C-alpha atoms as a PDB file:
ATOM      1  CA  MET A   1       0.000   0.000   0.000  1.00  0.00           C
ATOM      2  CA  PHE A   2       1.260   3.455  -0.947  1.00  0.00           C
ATOM      3  CA  THR A   3       0.142   7.049  -0.458  1.00  0.00           C
ATOM      4  CA  GLY A   4       1.224   8.722  -3.697  1.00  0.00           C
ATOM      5  CA  ILE A   5       3.766  10.942  -1.944  1.00  0.00           C
ATOM      6  CA  ILE A   6       6.979  10.517  -3.958  1.00  0.00           C
ATOM      7  CA  GLU A   7      10.153   9.920  -1.935  1.00  0.00           C
ATOM      8  CA  ALA A   8      12.794  10.061  -4.645  1.00  0.00           C
ATOM      9  CA  ILE A   9      13.418  10.096  -8.370  1.00  0.00           C
ATOM     10  CA  GLY A  10      15.351   7.154  -9.803  1.00  0.00           C
ATOM     11  CA  GLU A  11      17.139   6.823 -13.129  1.00  0.00           C
ATOM     12  CA  ILE A  12      16.945   3.749 -15.342  1.00  0.00           C
ATOM     13  CA  VAL A  13      20.514   2.636 -15.977  1.00  0.00           C
ATOM     14  CA  ARG A  14      19.929  -0.716 -17.688  1.00  0.00           C
ATOM     15  CA  ILE A  15      17.086  -2.543 -19.439  1.00  0.00           C
ATOM     16  CA  THR A  16      17.368  -6.231 -20.238  1.00  0.00           C
ATOM     17  CA  LYS A  17      14.657  -7.756 -22.416  1.00  0.00           C
ATOM     18  CA  SER A  18      13.786 -11.443 -22.337  1.00  0.00           C
ATOM     19  CA  PRO A  19      11.189 -13.312 -24.381  1.00  0.00           C
ATOM     20  CA  PRO A  20       8.261 -13.419 -24.235  1.00  0.00           C
ATOM     21  CA  GLY A  21       7.820  -9.735 -23.407  1.00  0.00           C
ATOM     22  CA  THR A  22       9.492  -9.659 -19.998  1.00  0.00           C
ATOM     23  CA  PHE A  23      12.008  -7.063 -18.820  1.00  0.00           C
ATOM     24  CA  ARG A  24      14.541  -6.470 -16.087  1.00  0.00           C
ATOM     25  CA  LEU A  25      15.004  -2.867 -15.023  1.00  0.00           C
ATOM     26  CA  GLU A  26      18.003  -1.578 -13.125  1.00  0.00           C
ATOM     27  CA  VAL A  27      17.250   1.707 -11.387  1.00  0.00           C
ATOM     28  CA  SER A  28      19.799   3.970  -9.760  1.00  0.00           C
ATOM     29  CA  THR A  29      18.391   5.491  -6.571  1.00  0.00           C
ATOM     30  CA  THR A  30      19.407   6.952  -3.239  1.00  0.00           C
ATOM     31  CA  LEU A  31      16.887   4.552  -1.659  1.00  0.00           C
ATOM     32  CA  ALA A  32      18.933   1.481  -2.633  1.00  0.00           C
ATOM     33  CA  SER A  33      20.708   1.187   0.730  1.00  0.00           C
ATOM     34  CA  GLN A  34      17.324   1.156   2.507  1.00  0.00           C
ATOM     35  CA  LEU A  35      15.852  -1.655   0.399  1.00  0.00           C
ATOM     36  CA  GLU A  36      16.187  -5.413   0.704  1.00  0.00           C
ATOM     37  CA  ILE A  37      15.605  -8.150  -1.864  1.00  0.00           C
ATOM     38  CA  GLY A  38      11.932  -9.108  -1.821  1.00  0.00           C
ATOM     39  CA  GLU A  39      10.704  -5.680  -0.740  1.00  0.00           C
ATOM     40  CA  SER A  40       8.305  -3.586  -2.805  1.00  0.00           C
ATOM     41  CA  LEU A  41       8.954  -0.226  -4.427  1.00  0.00           C
ATOM     42  CA  ALA A  42       6.518   1.756  -6.554  1.00  0.00           C
ATOM     43  CA  ASN A  43       8.063   2.868  -9.868  1.00  0.00           C
ATOM     44  CA  ASN A  44       5.875   5.466 -11.607  1.00  0.00           C
ATOM     45  CA  GLY A  45       3.066   4.070  -9.493  1.00  0.00           C
ATOM     46  CA  ALA A  46       3.615   0.404 -10.399  1.00  0.00           C
ATOM     47  CA  CYS A  47       4.398  -1.833  -7.428  1.00  0.00           C
ATOM     48  CA  LEU A  48       7.543  -3.842  -8.264  1.00  0.00           C
ATOM     49  CA  THR A  49       9.599  -6.321  -6.227  1.00  0.00           C
ATOM     50  CA  VAL A  50      13.316  -5.817  -5.653  1.00  0.00           C
ATOM     51  CA  VAL A  51      15.002  -8.928  -7.111  1.00  0.00           C
ATOM     52  CA  ALA A  52      18.640  -7.796  -6.934  1.00  0.00           C
ATOM     53  CA  LYS A  53      20.610  -4.887  -5.533  1.00  0.00           C
ATOM     54  CA  LYS A  54      24.028  -3.330  -5.731  1.00  0.00           C
ATOM     55  CA  PRO A  55      25.517  -0.145  -4.309  1.00  0.00           C
ATOM     56  CA  GLY A  56      23.299   2.702  -5.437  1.00  0.00           C
ATOM     57  CA  ALA A  57      20.925   0.630  -7.569  1.00  0.00           C
ATOM     58  CA  VAL A  58      18.184  -2.006  -7.444  1.00  0.00           C
ATOM     59  CA  GLU A  59      16.727  -4.340 -10.077  1.00  0.00           C
ATOM     60  CA  PHE A  60      13.170  -5.386 -10.875  1.00  0.00           C
ATOM     61  CA  ASP A  61      11.607  -8.021 -13.118  1.00  0.00           C
ATOM     62  CA  LEU A  62       8.610  -6.888 -15.174  1.00  0.00           C
ATOM     63  CA  LEU A  63       6.120  -9.505 -16.288  1.00  0.00           C
ATOM     64  CA  ALA A  64       4.456  -9.167 -19.677  1.00  0.00           C
ATOM     65  CA  GLU A  65       1.253  -7.956 -17.942  1.00  0.00           C
ATOM     66  CA  THR A  66       3.147  -5.121 -16.259  1.00  0.00           C
ATOM     67  CA  ALA A  67       4.875  -4.183 -19.500  1.00  0.00           C
ATOM     68  CA  VAL A  68       1.560  -4.003 -21.356  1.00  0.00           C
ATOM     69  CA  ARG A  69      -0.421  -2.170 -18.672  1.00  0.00           C
ATOM     70  CA  THR A  70       2.137   0.489 -17.680  1.00  0.00           C
ATOM     71  CA  ASN A  71       4.482   2.970 -19.345  1.00  0.00           C
ATOM     72  CA  LEU A  72       7.611   1.287 -17.953  1.00  0.00           C
ATOM     73  CA  SER A  73       8.273  -0.697 -21.133  1.00  0.00           C
ATOM     74  CA  GLU A  74       8.288   2.570 -23.118  1.00  0.00           C
ATOM     75  CA  LEU A  75      11.076   4.116 -21.042  1.00  0.00           C
ATOM     76  CA  GLY A  76      14.756   3.990 -21.939  1.00  0.00           C
ATOM     77  CA  VAL A  77      18.134   4.251 -20.271  1.00  0.00           C
ATOM     78  CA  GLY A  78      18.321   7.683 -18.668  1.00  0.00           C
ATOM     79  CA  SER A  79      14.556   7.944 -18.099  1.00  0.00           C
ATOM     80  CA  LEU A  80      13.513   9.167 -14.676  1.00  0.00           C
ATOM     81  CA  VAL A  81      10.952   7.301 -12.552  1.00  0.00           C
ATOM     82  CA  ASN A  82       9.054   8.357  -9.445  1.00  0.00           C
ATOM     83  CA  LEU A  83       9.802   6.119  -6.457  1.00  0.00           C
ATOM     84  CA  GLU A  84       7.891   5.446  -3.251  1.00  0.00           C
ATOM     85  CA  ARG A  85       8.357   2.790  -0.580  1.00  0.00           C
ATOM     86  CA  PRO A  86       5.233   1.195   0.946  1.00  0.00           C
ATOM     87  CA  MET A  87       3.583   3.183   3.708  1.00  0.00           C
ATOM     88  CA  GLN A  88       4.204   2.232   7.332  1.00  0.00           C
ATOM     89  CA  ALA A  89       1.234   1.499   9.576  1.00  0.00           C
ATOM     90  CA  VAL A  90       2.567   3.945  12.169  1.00  0.00           C
ATOM     91  CA  SER A  91       3.133   6.844   9.767  1.00  0.00           C
ATOM     92  CA  ARG A  92       0.892   9.766   8.847  1.00  0.00           C
ATOM     93  CA  PHE A  93      -1.349   8.984   5.886  1.00  0.00           C
ATOM     94  CA  ASP A  94      -0.698  11.787   3.400  1.00  0.00           C
ATOM     95  CA  GLY A  95      -1.975  11.560  -0.185  1.00  0.00           C
ATOM     96  CA  HIS A  96      -4.616   8.855  -0.705  1.00  0.00           C
ATOM     97  CA  ILE A  97      -4.830   5.055  -0.859  1.00  0.00           C
ATOM     98  CA  VAL A  98      -2.631   3.912  -3.755  1.00  0.00           C
ATOM     99  CA  GLN A  99      -2.224   0.173  -4.346  1.00  0.00           C
ATOM    100  CA  GLY A 100       0.524   0.312  -6.933  1.00  0.00           C
ATOM    101  CA  HIS A 101      -1.760  -1.473  -9.412  1.00  0.00           C
ATOM    102  CA  VAL A 102      -1.848   0.629 -12.579  1.00  0.00           C
ATOM    103  CA  ASP A 103      -5.286   0.677 -14.220  1.00  0.00           C
ATOM    104  CA  ALA A 104      -4.396   2.305 -17.528  1.00  0.00           C
ATOM    105  CA  THR A 105      -2.002   4.566 -19.358  1.00  0.00           C
ATOM    106  CA  ALA A 106      -2.959   7.844 -20.998  1.00  0.00           C
ATOM    107  CA  VAL A 107      -1.208  10.613 -22.898  1.00  0.00           C
ATOM    108  CA  ILE A 108      -0.609  14.144 -21.720  1.00  0.00           C
ATOM    109  CA  VAL A 109      -2.638  16.586 -23.828  1.00  0.00           C
ATOM    110  CA  THR A 110      -1.162  19.893 -22.670  1.00  0.00           C
ATOM    111  CA  ILE A 111       1.245  21.269 -20.079  1.00  0.00           C
ATOM    112  CA  GLU A 112       0.980  24.975 -19.301  1.00  0.00           C
ATOM    113  CA  ALA A 113       3.102  27.034 -16.944  1.00  0.00           C
ATOM    114  CA  LEU A 114       0.996  29.621 -15.141  1.00  0.00           C
ATOM    115  CA  ASP A 115       3.062  31.723 -12.768  1.00  0.00           C
ATOM    116  CA  GLN A 116       4.846  29.206 -10.528  1.00  0.00           C
ATOM    117  CA  ASP A 117       2.300  26.436 -11.040  1.00  0.00           C
ATOM    118  CA  HIS A 118       1.650  24.061 -13.932  1.00  0.00           C
ATOM    119  CA  ARG A 119      -1.660  22.952 -15.437  1.00  0.00           C
ATOM    120  CA  ILE A 120      -1.608  19.469 -16.952  1.00  0.00           C
ATOM    121  CA  GLU A 121      -4.442  18.050 -19.041  1.00  0.00           C
ATOM    122  CA  ILE A 122      -4.446  14.275 -19.450  1.00  0.00           C
ATOM    123  CA  ALA A 123      -6.535  12.255 -21.893  1.00  0.00           C
ATOM    124  CA  LEU A 124      -9.026   9.983 -20.148  1.00  0.00           C
ATOM    125  CA  PRO A 125      -9.753   6.526 -21.603  1.00  0.00           C
ATOM    126  CA  HIS A 126     -13.512   6.094 -22.040  1.00  0.00           C
ATOM    127  CA  ALA A 127     -13.642   2.918 -19.959  1.00  0.00           C
ATOM    128  CA  PHE A 128     -12.349   4.789 -16.911  1.00  0.00           C
ATOM    129  CA  GLN A 129     -14.229   8.097 -17.169  1.00  0.00           C
ATOM    130  CA  ARG A 130     -16.612   7.097 -14.368  1.00  0.00           C
ATOM    131  CA  TYR A 131     -13.761   7.013 -11.839  1.00  0.00           C
ATOM    132  CA  ILE A 132     -12.781  10.660 -12.263  1.00  0.00           C
ATOM    133  CA  VAL A 133     -14.703  13.211 -10.206  1.00  0.00           C
ATOM    134  CA  PHE A 134     -14.130  16.892  -9.486  1.00  0.00           C
ATOM    135  CA  LYS A 135     -11.883  17.266  -6.418  1.00  0.00           C
ATOM    136  CA  GLY A 136     -11.376  13.504  -6.325  1.00  0.00           C
ATOM    137  CA  SER A 137      -7.999  11.765  -6.177  1.00  0.00           C
ATOM    138  CA  VAL A 138      -6.015  10.076  -8.934  1.00  0.00           C
ATOM    139  CA  ALA A 139      -2.468   8.717  -9.057  1.00  0.00           C
ATOM    140  CA  VAL A 140      -0.478   9.925 -12.080  1.00  0.00           C
ATOM    141  CA  ASN A 141       2.896   8.162 -12.415  1.00  0.00           C
ATOM    142  CA  GLY A 142       2.401   7.263  -8.777  1.00  0.00           C
ATOM    143  CA  ILE A 143       1.781  10.835  -7.610  1.00  0.00           C
ATOM    144  CA  SER A 144      -1.331  11.516  -5.555  1.00  0.00           C
ATOM    145  CA  LEU A 145      -3.085  14.426  -7.284  1.00  0.00           C
ATOM    146  CA  THR A 146      -6.424  16.199  -6.996  1.00  0.00           C
ATOM    147  CA  VAL A 147      -8.669  16.445 -10.054  1.00  0.00           C
ATOM    148  CA  ALA A 148      -9.209  20.144 -10.787  1.00  0.00           C
ATOM    149  CA  GLU A 149     -11.366  19.826 -13.908  1.00  0.00           C
ATOM    150  CA  VAL A 150     -13.337  17.021 -15.532  1.00  0.00           C
ATOM    151  CA  ARG A 151     -13.723  17.402 -19.284  1.00  0.00           C
ATOM    152  CA  GLU A 152     -15.477  15.237 -21.877  1.00  0.00           C
ATOM    153  CA  CYS A 153     -12.434  13.124 -22.774  1.00  0.00           C
ATOM    154  CA  SER A 154      -9.799  14.350 -20.348  1.00  0.00           C
ATOM    155  CA  PHE A 155      -9.124  15.687 -16.877  1.00  0.00           C
ATOM    156  CA  VAL A 156      -6.920  18.433 -15.466  1.00  0.00           C
ATOM    157  CA  VAL A 157      -4.574  18.544 -12.484  1.00  0.00           C
ATOM    158  CA  TRP A 158      -2.628  21.497 -11.111  1.00  0.00           C
ATOM    159  CA  ILE A 159       0.960  20.996  -9.983  1.00  0.00           C
ATOM    160  CA  ILE A 160       2.523  23.127  -7.269  1.00  0.00           C
ATOM    161  CA  PRO A 161       6.266  23.970  -7.467  1.00  0.00           C
ATOM    162  CA  HIS A 162       7.193  21.432  -4.760  1.00  0.00           C
ATOM    163  CA  THR A 163       5.661  18.537  -6.723  1.00  0.00           C
ATOM    164  CA  TRP A 164       7.032  19.837 -10.034  1.00  0.00           C
ATOM    165  CA  ASP A 165      10.584  19.987  -8.666  1.00  0.00           C
ATOM    166  CA  ARG A 166      10.543  16.609  -6.900  1.00  0.00           C
ATOM    167  CA  THR A 167       8.918  14.320  -9.470  1.00  0.00           C
ATOM    168  CA  ASN A 168       9.416  13.390 -13.109  1.00  0.00           C
ATOM    169  CA  LEU A 169       6.450  15.511 -14.241  1.00  0.00           C
ATOM    170  CA  ARG A 170       8.888  18.270 -15.149  1.00  0.00           C
ATOM    171  CA  CYS A 171      10.487  15.951 -17.735  1.00  0.00           C
ATOM    172  CA  LEU A 172       7.251  15.128 -19.553  1.00  0.00           C
ATOM    173  CA  THR A 173       5.842  16.696 -22.704  1.00  0.00           C
ATOM    174  CA  PRO A 174       2.505  16.551 -24.561  1.00  0.00           C
ATOM    175  CA  GLY A 175       2.135  13.082 -26.033  1.00  0.00           C
ATOM    176  CA  THR A 176       4.052  11.412 -23.205  1.00  0.00           C
ATOM    177  CA  ARG A 177       2.233   8.405 -21.766  1.00  0.00           C
ATOM    178  CA  VAL A 178       1.675   8.303 -18.000  1.00  0.00           C
ATOM    179  CA  ASN A 179       0.426   5.614 -15.613  1.00  0.00           C
ATOM    180  CA  LEU A 180      -2.990   6.112 -14.030  1.00  0.00           C
ATOM    181  CA  GLU A 181      -4.428   4.450 -10.934  1.00  0.00           C
ATOM    182  CA  PHE A 182      -7.967   5.361  -9.960  1.00  0.00           C
ATOM    183  CA  ASP A 183      -9.497   5.470  -6.494  1.00  0.00           C
ATOM    184  CA  VAL A 184      -9.835   1.912  -5.155  1.00  0.00           C
ATOM    185  CA  VAL A 185     -12.798   2.939  -2.971  1.00  0.00           C
ATOM    186  CA  ALA A 186     -14.769   3.933  -6.080  1.00  0.00           C
ATOM    187  CA  LYS A 187     -13.975   0.580  -7.695  1.00  0.00           C
ATOM    188  CA  TYR A 188     -15.154  -1.388  -4.653  1.00  0.00           C
ATOM    189  CA  VAL A 189     -18.362   0.638  -4.424  1.00  0.00           C
ATOM    190  CA  GLU A 190     -19.032   0.050  -8.121  1.00  0.00           C
ATOM    191  CA  ARG A 191     -18.481  -3.692  -7.721  1.00  0.00           C
ATOM    192  CA  MET A 192     -20.780  -3.932  -4.709  1.00  0.00           C
ATOM    193  CA  LEU A 193     -23.533  -2.044  -6.528  1.00  0.00           C
ATOM    194  CA  GLN A 194     -23.161  -4.318  -9.545  1.00  0.00           C
ATOM    195  CA  THR A 195     -23.373  -7.412  -7.346  1.00  0.00           C
ATOM    196  CA  SER A 196     -26.444  -6.124  -5.552  1.00  0.00           C
ATOM    197  CA  GLY A 197     -28.116  -5.252  -8.853  1.00  0.00           C
ATOM    198  CA  ALA A 198     -28.317  -1.560  -8.019  1.00  0.00           C
ATOM    199  CA  LEU A 199     -26.550  -0.619 -11.265  1.00  0.00           C
ATOM    200  CA  GLY A 200     -28.047  -1.033 -14.687  1.00  0.00           C
ATOM    201  CA  ARG A 201     -31.659  -0.590 -13.633  1.00  0.00           C
END
């Protein structure tokens, strides 16, 4: 379980591809010394398991499902990824509930600098439009963000300077694909209503 509050930015230093469609990522990060093999780390919002480590870097295996569902397979050596360790039960719960299970990817439509802040519009896949609500939460590349606008085929988030400086959002451009994870509470409520027959009447 994560909160969407990014701890560090890592850099991909090696990508090893293996058939059929699996990958091994080596990520350079200041968090390496605090991680053990078998522990979880969210990379751009995708929960991955540390399978190997060395001074200053950790490695992850990506299954074909992860490669297809996230933007990690589209990244290259030198790409930056947002990193977050799982939340501790005794810590403050900032952000919102983030599972590290990416629901979809979507492209950035526009990025606008307005004074010190940035406005980012992100395309919204039709199948997931029902999970976006005004002032609701969404994880974008693992970052807990508040929805500022809901449009017909997209949504808008505003980025404060702190978030802009400490995540990989500042490296992205229109057309870049980002990972999206929608509110798990909304998904559970939807499932319960479907099971009870309350939906579709």
